[in-house]
Amino acid sequence: MPQLNPTPWFAILIFSWLVFLAIIPPKVMAHTFPKEPTLQSAEKPETESWTWPWQ
């Protein structure tokens, strides 16, 4: 039964983990967003209550 021979599957497992741990993270971390988020001020804007015409 060839499924019980671990030699090719172990090599595939090691190579796939090598790809996931060594190649993909730098590519993901190098990703930049087109617009960087801006910091909002800590002050809350003053809001006015609405004047409803039917009240």
Protein backbone atom coordinates (compact mmCIF):
# COMPACT_ATOMS: atom_id res chain seq x y z
CA MET A 1 0.00 0.00 0.00
CA PRO A 2 1.73 3.21 -1.08
CA GLN A 3 -0.30 5.35 1.35
CA LEU A 4 1.63 3.90 4.27
CA ASN A 5 5.02 4.98 2.91
CA PRO A 6 5.72 8.25 4.80
CA THR A 7 8.71 9.36 2.75
CA PRO A 8 7.05 11.46 0.02
CA TRP A 9 4.30 12.77 2.31
CA PHE A 10 6.72 13.87 5.01
CA ALA A 11 8.75 15.80 2.43
CA ILE A 12 5.58 17.45 1.13
CA LEU A 13 4.58 18.36 4.69
CA ILE A 14 7.97 19.90 5.47
CA PHE A 15 8.06 21.82 2.18
CA SER A 16 4.54 23.18 2.65
CA TRP A 17 5.38 24.37 6.19
CA LEU A 18 8.54 25.96 4.84
CA VAL A 19 6.43 27.88 2.33
CA PHE A 20 3.88 28.92 4.96
CA LEU A 21 6.46 30.01 7.55
CA ALA A 22 9.24 31.49 5.44
CA ILE A 23 7.80 32.82 2.20
CA ILE A 24 4.22 33.92 2.85
CA PRO A 25 4.60 36.05 6.08
CA PRO A 26 7.08 38.56 4.60
CA LYS A 27 4.81 39.01 1.59
CA VAL A 28 1.81 39.63 3.83
CA MET A 29 3.71 41.98 6.16
CA ALA A 30 5.03 44.00 3.20
CA HIS A 31 1.49 44.77 2.10
CA THR A 32 0.63 48.45 2.30
CA PHE A 33 -2.80 50.01 2.25
CA PRO A 34 -3.53 52.72 -0.30
CA LYS A 35 -4.80 55.08 2.39
CA GLU A 36 -3.33 55.05 5.86
CA PRO A 37 -5.91 55.55 8.62
CA THR A 38 -5.90 58.99 10.21
CA LEU A 39 -6.10 59.57 13.92
CA GLN A 40 -9.26 61.21 15.13
CA SER A 41 -9.27 63.84 17.81
CA ALA A 42 -10.15 62.83 21.36
CA GLU A 43 -12.72 65.62 21.65
CA LYS A 44 -16.28 64.67 20.93
CA PRO A 45 -18.01 66.91 18.42
CA GLU A 46 -20.84 68.94 19.88
CA THR A 47 -24.16 67.88 18.50
CA GLU A 48 -27.43 69.71 18.60
CA SER A 49 -30.74 68.04 19.20
CA TRP A 50 -33.18 68.01 16.37
CA THR A 51 -36.29 70.14 16.45
CA TRP A 52 -39.05 67.95 15.17
CA PRO A 53 -41.81 69.90 13.35
CA TRP A 54 -44.64 67.76 14.80
CA GLN A 55 -43.74 68.31 18.46
